[in-house]
Amino acid sequence: MSKLSESTALVEVKPKFVPLLQRRSSFFDALLTEVGHAVQVISRSAQAARPNPAGRALTQKEETLSTEETQHAAGLMRVNHVGEVCAQALYRGQALLVNDSELKGLLYQASSEEVDHLVWCDDRLKELGSRPSVLNPLWYAASFGLGVVASKAGKPYNLGFMAETERQVEQHLDSHLVSLPAQDQRSRKIVEQMRLDEIAHRTTAEEQGASVLPGPIKFAMRCMSKVMTSSAYRL
């Protein structure tokens, strides 16, 4: 047998490796992922994908606010932090069960940016010598549950929940930009970037065909938001 024949024979009998079949993700896998994400948020170990708009972190000794201004700024940033806990929990709850892949991607993208916001708010709370709301686990669970329920309402109403959530958050941020101490530029830079992102989320939802939510649902969301903001400012 020639060398060429031997080479050909060797090639012909060379064993072929069949890739192992990949296990399809189950609902239980997705649920475990959500539990892990919730733990990260509540334990303050979540990481932002974008840099903090306020720049490098300050030490408490570098803070220039008075005691009263510091307490007020911390209360507002704690409210903003709770708002971001609720918003991203709502979106992840919706994304868990929706069947539309485009909508699912949109919800996860918005949730990711809300995580940036809550990390920035948490960073500012640390600078101010304060902490997030002790009721965050309750708000996370309630918002996630609402998202799961909303996920079955169809794409237009899921987008409607997103648009209305962002609209209400935007209103809170507008009021905070007025209420923050004039010299608290660090908190202001964070809130301003958050506001731009929330407007973009609302606009995207509306352009994708968001339905206007019924009046009773919007009223219930505002009532929940009122309770949340009132308690988060102090707790």
Protein backbone atom coordinates (compact mmCIF):
# COMPACT_ATOMS: atom_id res chain seq x y z
CA MET A 1 0.00 0.00 0.00
CA SER A 2 1.37 3.41 -0.91
CA LYS A 3 1.91 6.18 1.60
CA LEU A 4 -0.99 8.07 -0.01
CA SER A 5 -3.31 5.09 0.40
CA GLU A 6 -2.25 4.63 4.02
CA SER A 7 -2.96 8.32 4.73
CA THR A 8 -6.37 8.05 3.08
CA ALA A 9 -7.21 4.96 5.07
CA LEU A 10 -6.23 6.61 8.30
CA VAL A 11 -8.45 9.57 7.54
CA GLU A 12 -11.37 7.27 6.73
CA VAL A 13 -11.22 5.35 10.02
CA LYS A 14 -10.53 8.42 12.21
CA PRO A 15 -13.27 8.46 14.86
CA LYS A 16 -15.73 11.31 14.79
CA PHE A 17 -16.78 13.01 18.00
CA VAL A 18 -20.46 13.80 18.34
CA PRO A 19 -21.10 16.85 20.55
CA LEU A 20 -23.07 16.15 23.68
CA LEU A 21 -26.66 17.31 23.64
CA GLN A 22 -27.16 20.50 25.64
CA ARG A 23 -29.80 20.41 28.32
CA ARG A 24 -32.60 22.85 27.66
CA SER A 25 -33.20 25.44 30.33
CA SER A 26 -36.32 24.76 32.37
CA PHE A 27 -38.66 27.06 34.25
CA PHE A 28 -36.97 25.89 37.45
CA ASP A 29 -33.59 27.03 36.08
CA ALA A 30 -35.05 30.44 35.26
CA LEU A 31 -36.58 30.68 38.72
CA LEU A 32 -33.25 29.88 40.36
CA THR A 33 -31.66 32.61 38.26
CA GLU A 34 -34.24 35.09 39.55
CA VAL A 35 -33.62 34.05 43.15
CA GLY A 36 -29.90 34.64 42.64
CA HIS A 37 -30.55 38.03 41.10
CA ALA A 38 -32.84 39.02 43.97
CA VAL A 39 -30.17 38.03 46.51
CA GLN A 40 -27.64 40.22 44.71
CA VAL A 41 -29.96 43.21 44.78
CA ILE A 42 -31.04 42.84 48.40
CA SER A 43 -27.50 42.08 49.63
CA ARG A 44 -26.12 45.17 47.82
CA SER A 45 -23.69 43.03 45.80
CA ALA A 46 -25.12 43.86 42.34
CA GLN A 47 -22.68 45.44 39.90
CA ALA A 48 -23.32 48.33 37.53
CA ALA A 49 -22.45 47.90 33.86
CA ARG A 50 -21.84 51.64 33.41
CA PRO A 51 -19.67 54.04 35.42
CA ASN A 52 -21.26 56.23 38.06
CA PRO A 53 -22.22 59.61 36.52
CA ALA A 54 -21.01 61.35 39.69
CA GLY A 55 -17.45 60.18 39.11
CA ARG A 56 -15.11 58.75 41.70
CA ALA A 57 -16.48 57.93 45.13
CA LEU A 58 -16.03 60.41 47.97
CA THR A 59 -15.23 59.61 51.57
CA GLN A 60 -17.60 60.91 54.25
CA LYS A 61 -14.87 63.34 55.31
CA GLU A 62 -14.92 64.89 51.83
CA GLU A 63 -18.69 65.47 51.96
CA THR A 64 -19.54 69.18 52.10
CA LEU A 65 -23.24 68.99 53.02
CA SER A 66 -24.53 70.01 56.43
CA THR A 67 -26.03 67.38 58.72
CA GLU A 68 -29.58 68.39 57.79
CA GLU A 69 -28.79 68.46 54.06
CA THR A 70 -27.07 65.09 54.30
CA GLN A 71 -30.09 63.51 55.96
CA HIS A 72 -32.46 64.98 53.38
CA ALA A 73 -30.30 63.93 50.42
CA ALA A 74 -29.96 60.44 51.89
CA GLY A 75 -33.73 60.18 52.28
CA LEU A 76 -34.30 61.15 48.64
CA MET A 77 -31.61 58.81 47.33
CA ARG A 78 -33.07 55.99 49.45
CA VAL A 79 -36.44 56.64 47.79
CA ASN A 80 -34.76 56.56 44.38
CA HIS A 81 -33.01 53.32 45.30
CA VAL A 82 -36.32 51.70 46.27
CA GLY A 83 -37.83 52.88 43.00
CA GLU A 84 -35.09 51.11 41.08
CA VAL A 85 -35.48 47.96 43.18
CA CYS A 86 -39.16 47.91 42.26
CA ALA A 87 -38.73 48.79 38.57
CA GLN A 88 -36.17 46.11 37.75
CA ALA A 89 -38.03 43.52 39.83
CA LEU A 90 -41.22 44.35 37.92
CA TYR A 91 -39.49 43.96 34.56
CA ARG A 92 -37.82 40.69 35.49
CA GLY A 93 -41.14 39.35 36.74
CA GLN A 94 -42.72 40.24 33.40
CA ALA A 95 -39.83 38.79 31.40
CA LEU A 96 -39.98 35.48 33.26
CA LEU A 97 -43.19 34.31 31.60
CA VAL A 98 -43.72 36.40 28.45
CA ASN A 99 -43.53 34.41 25.22
CA ASP A 100 -42.54 37.25 22.90
CA SER A 101 -38.74 37.11 22.53
CA GLU A 102 -38.47 40.74 21.44
CA LEU A 103 -40.47 41.93 24.45
CA LYS A 104 -38.45 39.67 26.76
CA GLY A 105 -35.21 41.21 25.48
CA LEU A 106 -36.57 44.73 25.91
CA LEU A 107 -37.62 44.03 29.50
CA TYR A 108 -34.26 42.50 30.42
CA GLN A 109 -32.41 45.44 28.85
CA ALA A 110 -34.48 47.94 30.83
CA SER A 111 -33.99 45.89 34.00
CA SER A 112 -30.23 45.91 33.47
CA GLU A 113 -30.17 49.70 33.27
CA GLU A 114 -32.32 49.94 36.40
CA VAL A 115 -29.66 47.85 38.18
CA ASP A 116 -27.13 50.51 37.17
CA HIS A 117 -29.37 53.10 38.78
CA LEU A 118 -29.79 51.26 42.06
CA VAL A 119 -26.02 50.67 42.32
CA TRP A 120 -25.37 54.38 41.73
CA CYS A 121 -27.95 55.29 44.37
CA ASP A 122 -26.41 52.81 46.78
CA ASP A 123 -22.96 54.29 46.14
CA ARG A 124 -24.31 57.73 47.01
CA LEU A 125 -26.01 56.42 50.14
CA LYS A 126 -22.68 55.01 51.31
CA GLU A 127 -21.03 58.39 50.73
CA LEU A 128 -23.75 60.03 52.80
CA GLY A 129 -23.25 57.53 55.62
CA SER A 130 -26.70 56.04 55.10
CA ARG A 131 -28.27 52.77 53.87
CA PRO A 132 -31.07 51.47 51.60
CA SER A 133 -34.58 50.88 52.89
CA VAL A 134 -35.01 47.99 55.30
CA LEU A 135 -38.24 47.17 53.45
CA ASN A 136 -36.49 46.41 50.16
CA PRO A 137 -37.16 42.63 50.35
CA LEU A 138 -40.88 43.35 50.66
CA TRP A 139 -40.89 45.82 47.76
CA TYR A 140 -38.86 43.48 45.57
CA ALA A 141 -41.21 40.55 46.16
CA ALA A 142 -44.33 42.66 45.60
CA SER A 143 -43.00 44.18 42.37
CA PHE A 144 -41.77 40.85 41.02
CA GLY A 145 -45.15 39.28 41.76
CA LEU A 146 -46.92 42.12 39.99
CA GLY A 147 -44.67 41.60 36.99
CA VAL A 148 -45.48 37.89 36.85
CA VAL A 149 -49.21 38.68 36.87
CA ALA A 150 -48.78 41.40 34.24
CA SER A 151 -46.83 39.04 31.97
CA LYS A 152 -50.06 37.27 31.05
CA ALA A 153 -51.83 40.46 29.97
CA GLY A 154 -50.39 40.49 26.44
CA LYS A 155 -47.63 42.52 24.82
CA PRO A 156 -49.43 45.90 24.58
CA TYR A 157 -50.33 45.91 28.28
CA ASN A 158 -46.89 44.66 29.31
CA LEU A 159 -45.44 47.61 27.44
CA GLY A 160 -48.11 49.75 29.07
CA PHE A 161 -46.90 48.72 32.54
CA MET A 162 -43.39 49.66 31.50
CA ALA A 163 -44.45 53.06 30.13
CA GLU A 164 -46.56 53.91 33.18
CA THR A 165 -43.85 52.79 35.61
CA GLU A 166 -41.28 54.99 33.87
CA ARG A 167 -43.70 57.91 33.73
CA GLN A 168 -44.27 57.79 37.48
CA VAL A 169 -40.55 57.36 38.23
CA GLU A 170 -39.79 60.30 35.96
CA GLN A 171 -42.19 62.47 37.95
CA HIS A 172 -40.48 61.49 41.21
CA LEU A 173 -37.06 62.31 39.78
CA ASP A 174 -38.27 65.71 38.58
CA SER A 175 -39.43 66.54 42.09
CA HIS A 176 -36.15 65.33 43.58
CA LEU A 177 -34.11 67.54 41.28
CA VAL A 178 -36.03 70.45 42.77
CA SER A 179 -35.79 69.22 46.36
CA LEU A 180 -32.12 68.16 46.50
CA PRO A 181 -29.75 70.62 48.21
CA ALA A 182 -28.40 73.05 45.61
CA GLN A 183 -24.77 72.11 46.30
CA ASP A 184 -25.37 68.36 46.16
CA GLN A 185 -24.08 68.02 42.62
CA ARG A 186 -23.18 64.35 43.04
CA SER A 187 -26.74 63.24 43.78
CA ARG A 188 -27.99 65.58 41.07
CA LYS A 189 -25.74 64.05 38.38
CA ILE A 190 -26.99 60.58 39.27
CA VAL A 191 -30.64 61.62 39.24
CA GLU A 192 -30.26 63.47 35.94
CA GLN A 193 -28.80 60.40 34.21
CA MET A 194 -31.50 58.20 35.72
CA ARG A 195 -34.14 60.58 34.40
CA LEU A 196 -32.71 60.42 30.86
CA ASP A 197 -32.73 56.62 30.97
CA GLU A 198 -36.31 56.48 32.28
CA ILE A 199 -37.49 58.78 29.50
CA ALA A 200 -35.78 56.51 26.96
CA HIS A 201 -37.48 53.43 28.46
CA ARG A 202 -40.91 55.10 28.38
CA THR A 203 -40.42 56.33 24.82
CA THR A 204 -39.31 52.90 23.64
CA ALA A 205 -42.33 51.23 25.24
CA GLU A 206 -44.69 53.75 23.64
CA GLU A 207 -43.07 53.36 20.22
CA GLN A 208 -43.37 49.56 20.49
CA GLY A 209 -47.14 49.83 20.94
CA ALA A 210 -47.79 50.29 24.67
CA SER A 211 -51.46 50.37 25.62
CA VAL A 212 -52.73 52.98 28.06
CA LEU A 213 -53.47 51.21 31.31
CA PRO A 214 -56.99 51.41 32.77
CA GLY A 215 -57.50 54.22 35.30
CA PRO A 216 -57.93 51.92 38.34
CA ILE A 217 -54.60 50.19 37.62
CA LYS A 218 -52.74 53.49 37.27
CA PHE A 219 -54.37 54.72 40.48
CA ALA A 220 -53.32 51.53 42.32
CA MET A 221 -49.75 51.97 41.06
CA ARG A 222 -49.69 55.56 42.32
CA CYS A 223 -51.02 54.50 45.72
CA MET A 224 -48.37 51.80 45.99
CA SER A 225 -45.74 54.32 44.95
CA LYS A 226 -46.96 56.80 47.58
CA VAL A 227 -46.68 54.24 50.36
CA MET A 228 -43.28 53.17 49.10
CA THR A 229 -41.80 56.67 48.90
CA SER A 230 -43.23 57.78 52.24
CA SER A 231 -41.80 54.78 54.08
CA ALA A 232 -38.48 54.67 52.20
CA TYR A 233 -37.58 58.27 53.04
CA ARG A 234 -37.24 57.29 56.72
CA LEU A 235 -36.98 53.50 56.66
